[in-house]
Amino acid sequence: MDTQHDELNEIESDIKATGDSLVADAKEVADLEEQKTVLPAGDPRMVELAQKSQALTAKMAAKAEVEATLVDEAQRLGATGTGEGAKGTGQGKAKGRR
């Protein structure tokens, strides 16, 4: 059971790290989009800002997929093991999960 509890703690830490990364990315996208709102449509900087925003949102989509997989895994482990759900210390990182 300790191994399962440790795995839940690790997954919880990964979910938090992924969520924190998504929040940071979202703030960056918001900044890019705000920059675009003050530029005229023909401004050459618009292309670069749009490309950066598009690339970042694509990365966010991939991170959200990873996060969903981690949540599913935590739910599965929580339902079949300790009955504690995915509560943990927030310590550690799972290798190869992000």
Foldseek 3Di string as FASTA:
>chain_A
DVVLLVVLLQLVLALVVLVVVLVVLVVVLVVLVVVLVPDDPPDPVVVVSVVVNVVSVVVSVVSVVLSVVSQVVQQVSCVPDDVPGSDDDSDHHDPPSD
